[in-house]
Amino acid sequence: MNSQQPAKRAASVSRLPLILLALALVAAAAFLVLRPAPTPKGNLTGATVGGPFTLTDETGRTVTSETFRGQWRLMYFGFTWCPDICPTDTAKLAAGLKLFEEQHPARAKALQPLFVTVDPERDTPAALAQFTASFHPRLLGLTGTREQIDAALKAFRIYAQKVPGTTADAYTYDHLAVLYLMDPDGRPVQFLAGPAATPESIAQMLEQFLV
């Protein structure tokens, strides 16, 4: 028998842990390189905003929070009879989304913009369809029963109070005007409101989290 064979086998066995360690390091490096980058934290990360909902879209279709699972959501709560703030904010939402679409058309497809009414008595699916079409072709209006809307308002921490008008149908709403970005699992990520919500800041927000 060749006296060198036991020595060779011993050397091979002694090198085995080093080989396994090297393979483990290579696998770990590959995992770190190939895994998706974590989503940056926003000013709503970890907040208790959002949750399950059941509503009706502007085509008359029943939708739930699960309908939009896998999609980023840009959400605004308002009403189509609003004389100033809601159309202004919705126009900024649409302009910001268009800026983002120009720079990142593929990533923009992962985002669903939503306009949720606080006034379901007047905001029928047809009324919402007419309203959203004037701002962006992908903006989807959502309405529902009073109970469904109230549940959604509560889940998303949206204050909305009916303000009587001079006649029964001339009322308006005092409500929180805020733009929410929700992630594909429906978790809150970021909000913009007031002067901070501009087309440029909206596009920058989408750039930060979606790209």
Protein backbone atom coordinates (compact mmCIF):
# COMPACT_ATOMS: atom_id res chain seq x y z
CA MET A 1 0.00 0.00 0.00
CA ASN A 2 1.20 3.51 -0.83
CA SER A 3 2.20 5.16 2.45
CA GLN A 4 1.27 8.57 1.05
CA GLN A 5 -2.43 7.74 0.65
CA PRO A 6 -3.40 8.13 4.37
CA ALA A 7 -1.59 11.45 4.45
CA LYS A 8 -3.41 12.64 1.34
CA ARG A 9 -6.75 11.59 2.81
CA ALA A 10 -5.96 13.39 6.06
CA ALA A 11 -5.02 16.53 4.18
CA SER A 12 -8.26 16.37 2.19
CA VAL A 13 -10.29 15.97 5.38
CA SER A 14 -8.48 18.87 7.04
CA ARG A 15 -9.27 21.11 4.06
CA LEU A 16 -12.99 20.23 4.07
CA PRO A 17 -14.04 22.81 6.72
CA LEU A 18 -12.19 25.52 4.80
CA ILE A 19 -13.95 24.54 1.56
CA LEU A 20 -17.34 24.53 3.27
CA LEU A 21 -16.59 27.91 4.84
CA ALA A 22 -15.62 29.32 1.44
CA LEU A 23 -18.82 28.01 -0.12
CA ALA A 24 -20.86 29.51 2.71
CA LEU A 25 -19.19 32.89 2.22
CA VAL A 26 -19.85 32.77 -1.53
CA ALA A 27 -23.52 31.92 -0.92
CA ALA A 28 -23.86 34.71 1.63
CA ALA A 29 -22.28 37.21 -0.75
CA ALA A 30 -24.60 36.12 -3.56
CA PHE A 31 -27.61 36.51 -1.27
CA LEU A 32 -26.59 40.03 -0.29
CA VAL A 33 -26.05 41.02 -3.92
CA LEU A 34 -29.19 39.43 -5.35
CA ARG A 35 -31.75 40.12 -2.64
CA PRO A 36 -34.08 43.12 -3.21
CA ALA A 37 -33.00 46.32 -1.57
CA PRO A 38 -35.09 47.08 1.53
CA THR A 39 -37.71 49.79 1.14
CA PRO A 40 -36.50 53.03 2.75
CA LYS A 41 -38.38 54.12 5.85
CA GLY A 42 -40.90 56.91 5.40
CA ASN A 43 -42.65 59.21 7.83
CA LEU A 44 -45.50 56.69 8.21
CA THR A 45 -43.46 53.49 8.49
CA GLY A 46 -44.88 51.49 11.39
CA ALA A 47 -47.91 53.76 11.82
CA THR A 48 -51.38 52.29 12.36
CA VAL A 49 -52.86 53.74 9.18
CA GLY A 50 -54.87 51.68 6.73
CA GLY A 51 -56.42 48.25 6.86
CA PRO A 52 -59.00 46.05 5.16
CA PHE A 53 -61.82 47.77 3.28
CA THR A 54 -64.66 46.93 0.93
CA LEU A 55 -65.75 49.65 -1.51
CA THR A 56 -67.15 50.14 -5.02
CA ASP A 57 -65.04 51.50 -7.85
CA GLU A 58 -66.20 53.91 -10.55
CA THR A 59 -67.17 51.03 -12.85
CA GLY A 60 -69.54 49.60 -10.24
CA ARG A 61 -67.17 46.76 -9.34
CA THR A 62 -66.80 45.72 -5.70
CA VAL A 63 -63.18 46.07 -4.62
CA THR A 64 -61.37 45.30 -1.39
CA SER A 65 -57.94 46.00 0.01
CA GLU A 66 -56.91 42.62 -1.43
CA THR A 67 -57.82 43.82 -4.94
CA PHE A 68 -54.77 46.09 -4.85
CA ARG A 69 -52.37 43.71 -3.12
CA GLY A 70 -49.03 43.71 -4.92
CA GLN A 71 -49.47 47.32 -6.05
CA TRP A 72 -48.20 50.52 -4.52
CA ARG A 73 -51.12 52.85 -3.81
CA LEU A 74 -51.23 56.62 -3.94
CA MET A 75 -54.41 57.53 -2.04
CA TYR A 76 -56.35 60.74 -1.56
CA PHE A 77 -59.63 61.20 0.31
CA GLY A 78 -61.95 63.97 -0.88
CA PHE A 79 -65.21 64.62 -2.73
CA THR A 80 -66.07 65.68 -6.24
CA TRP A 81 -68.31 68.60 -5.17
CA CYS A 82 -65.37 70.19 -3.33
CA PRO A 83 -65.00 73.76 -4.60
CA ASP A 84 -61.23 74.15 -4.31
CA ILE A 85 -58.93 71.96 -2.18
CA CYS A 86 -59.84 68.52 -3.58
CA PRO A 87 -59.51 69.44 -7.27
CA THR A 88 -56.27 71.29 -6.52
CA ASP A 89 -54.77 68.37 -4.60
CA THR A 90 -55.96 65.85 -7.19
CA ALA A 91 -54.39 67.91 -9.96
CA LYS A 92 -51.08 67.90 -8.05
CA LEU A 93 -51.35 64.13 -7.54
CA ALA A 94 -51.90 63.64 -11.27
CA ALA A 95 -49.09 66.00 -12.26
CA GLY A 96 -46.65 64.33 -9.86
CA LEU A 97 -47.57 60.90 -11.18
CA LYS A 98 -47.10 62.08 -14.77
CA LEU A 99 -43.63 63.40 -13.91
CA PHE A 100 -42.75 60.01 -12.43
CA GLU A 101 -44.21 58.16 -15.43
CA GLU A 102 -42.02 60.17 -17.79
CA GLN A 103 -38.87 59.14 -15.93
CA HIS A 104 -39.85 55.60 -14.89
CA PRO A 105 -42.67 54.28 -17.10
CA ALA A 106 -42.13 50.65 -16.12
CA ARG A 107 -42.07 51.29 -12.36
CA ALA A 108 -45.06 53.60 -12.61
CA LYS A 109 -47.16 50.62 -13.67
CA ALA A 110 -46.65 49.19 -10.18
CA LEU A 111 -48.59 52.12 -8.72
CA GLN A 112 -52.37 52.50 -8.49
CA PRO A 113 -53.64 56.03 -7.78
CA LEU A 114 -56.93 56.09 -5.84
CA PHE A 115 -59.44 58.83 -5.06
CA VAL A 116 -61.66 57.75 -2.16
CA THR A 117 -64.77 59.85 -1.60
CA VAL A 118 -65.88 61.08 1.80
CA ASP A 119 -69.31 61.89 0.28
CA PRO A 120 -70.85 58.64 -1.01
CA GLU A 121 -74.36 60.14 -1.10
CA ARG A 122 -73.43 62.36 -4.06
CA ASP A 123 -70.33 60.63 -5.37
CA THR A 124 -71.82 57.78 -7.34
CA PRO A 125 -69.57 55.62 -9.54
CA ALA A 126 -70.61 57.70 -12.56
CA ALA A 127 -69.80 60.99 -10.81
CA LEU A 128 -66.41 59.66 -9.76
CA ALA A 129 -65.62 58.40 -13.26
CA GLN A 130 -66.28 61.83 -14.73
CA PHE A 131 -64.17 63.49 -12.04
CA THR A 132 -61.14 61.20 -12.21
CA ALA A 133 -61.05 61.18 -16.03
CA SER A 134 -60.37 64.90 -16.01
CA PHE A 135 -57.12 64.39 -14.08
CA HIS A 136 -55.39 61.12 -14.99
CA PRO A 137 -56.46 58.06 -17.03
CA ARG A 138 -55.32 55.64 -14.32
CA LEU A 139 -56.82 57.48 -11.34
CA LEU A 140 -59.54 55.23 -9.92
CA GLY A 141 -62.43 56.58 -7.87
CA LEU A 142 -63.85 54.58 -4.96
CA THR A 143 -67.20 55.00 -3.22
CA GLY A 144 -69.51 52.74 -1.21
CA THR A 145 -72.25 52.79 1.36
CA ARG A 146 -72.06 55.36 4.15
CA GLU A 147 -71.03 52.57 6.53
CA GLN A 148 -68.28 51.33 4.20
CA ILE A 149 -66.88 54.82 3.69
CA ASP A 150 -66.97 55.56 7.42
CA ALA A 151 -65.09 52.32 8.10
CA ALA A 152 -62.43 53.28 5.54
CA LEU A 153 -62.13 56.79 6.98
CA LYS A 154 -61.61 55.32 10.45
CA ALA A 155 -59.01 52.82 9.23
CA PHE A 156 -57.04 55.50 7.39
CA ARG A 157 -57.36 58.09 10.17
CA ILE A 158 -59.20 60.57 7.94
CA TYR A 159 -61.26 63.24 9.66
CA ALA A 160 -64.36 64.20 7.64
CA GLN A 161 -67.23 66.29 8.95
CA LYS A 162 -70.32 67.28 6.98
CA VAL A 163 -70.95 71.03 6.94
CA PRO A 164 -74.58 72.04 6.20
CA GLY A 165 -75.23 74.49 3.37
CA THR A 166 -78.03 76.92 2.62
CA THR A 167 -80.08 74.05 1.20
CA ALA A 168 -80.17 70.33 1.98
CA ASP A 169 -78.08 69.37 -1.06
CA ALA A 170 -75.64 72.28 -0.86
CA TYR A 171 -73.59 70.86 2.01
CA THR A 172 -69.82 70.53 1.92
CA TYR A 173 -67.21 68.61 3.93
CA ASP A 174 -64.46 69.70 6.24
CA HIS A 175 -61.87 66.93 5.96
CA LEU A 176 -58.23 66.03 6.31
CA ALA A 177 -56.50 66.66 2.98
CA VAL A 178 -53.58 64.27 2.89
CA LEU A 179 -51.89 62.11 0.28
CA TYR A 180 -50.89 58.61 1.40
CA LEU A 181 -48.35 56.27 -0.18
CA MET A 182 -49.09 52.65 0.77
CA ASP A 183 -46.77 49.77 -0.06
CA PRO A 184 -47.76 46.60 -2.00
CA ASP A 185 -48.87 44.95 1.25
CA GLY A 186 -51.11 47.88 2.12
CA ARG A 187 -48.80 49.25 4.81
CA PRO A 188 -48.36 53.02 5.20
CA VAL A 189 -45.04 54.43 4.03
CA GLN A 190 -45.23 58.19 3.54
CA PHE A 191 -47.66 61.09 3.57
CA LEU A 192 -47.66 64.55 2.04
CA ALA A 193 -50.04 67.37 2.88
CA GLY A 194 -50.53 71.08 2.44
CA PRO A 195 -47.77 73.14 0.80
CA ALA A 196 -45.40 70.17 1.03
CA ALA A 197 -47.51 68.30 -1.53
CA THR A 198 -46.40 69.58 -4.92
CA PRO A 199 -46.07 67.72 -8.23
CA GLU A 200 -42.30 67.75 -7.75
CA SER A 201 -42.39 66.45 -4.18
CA ILE A 202 -44.86 63.73 -5.16
CA ALA A 203 -42.61 62.61 -8.01
CA GLN A 204 -39.60 62.67 -5.67
CA MET A 205 -41.48 60.57 -3.12
CA LEU A 206 -42.30 57.96 -5.77
CA GLU A 207 -38.68 58.04 -6.96
CA GLN A 208 -37.49 57.42 -3.40
CA PHE A 209 -39.66 54.42 -2.67
CA LEU A 210 -40.53 52.78 -5.98
CA VAL A 211 -37.18 52.87 -7.78
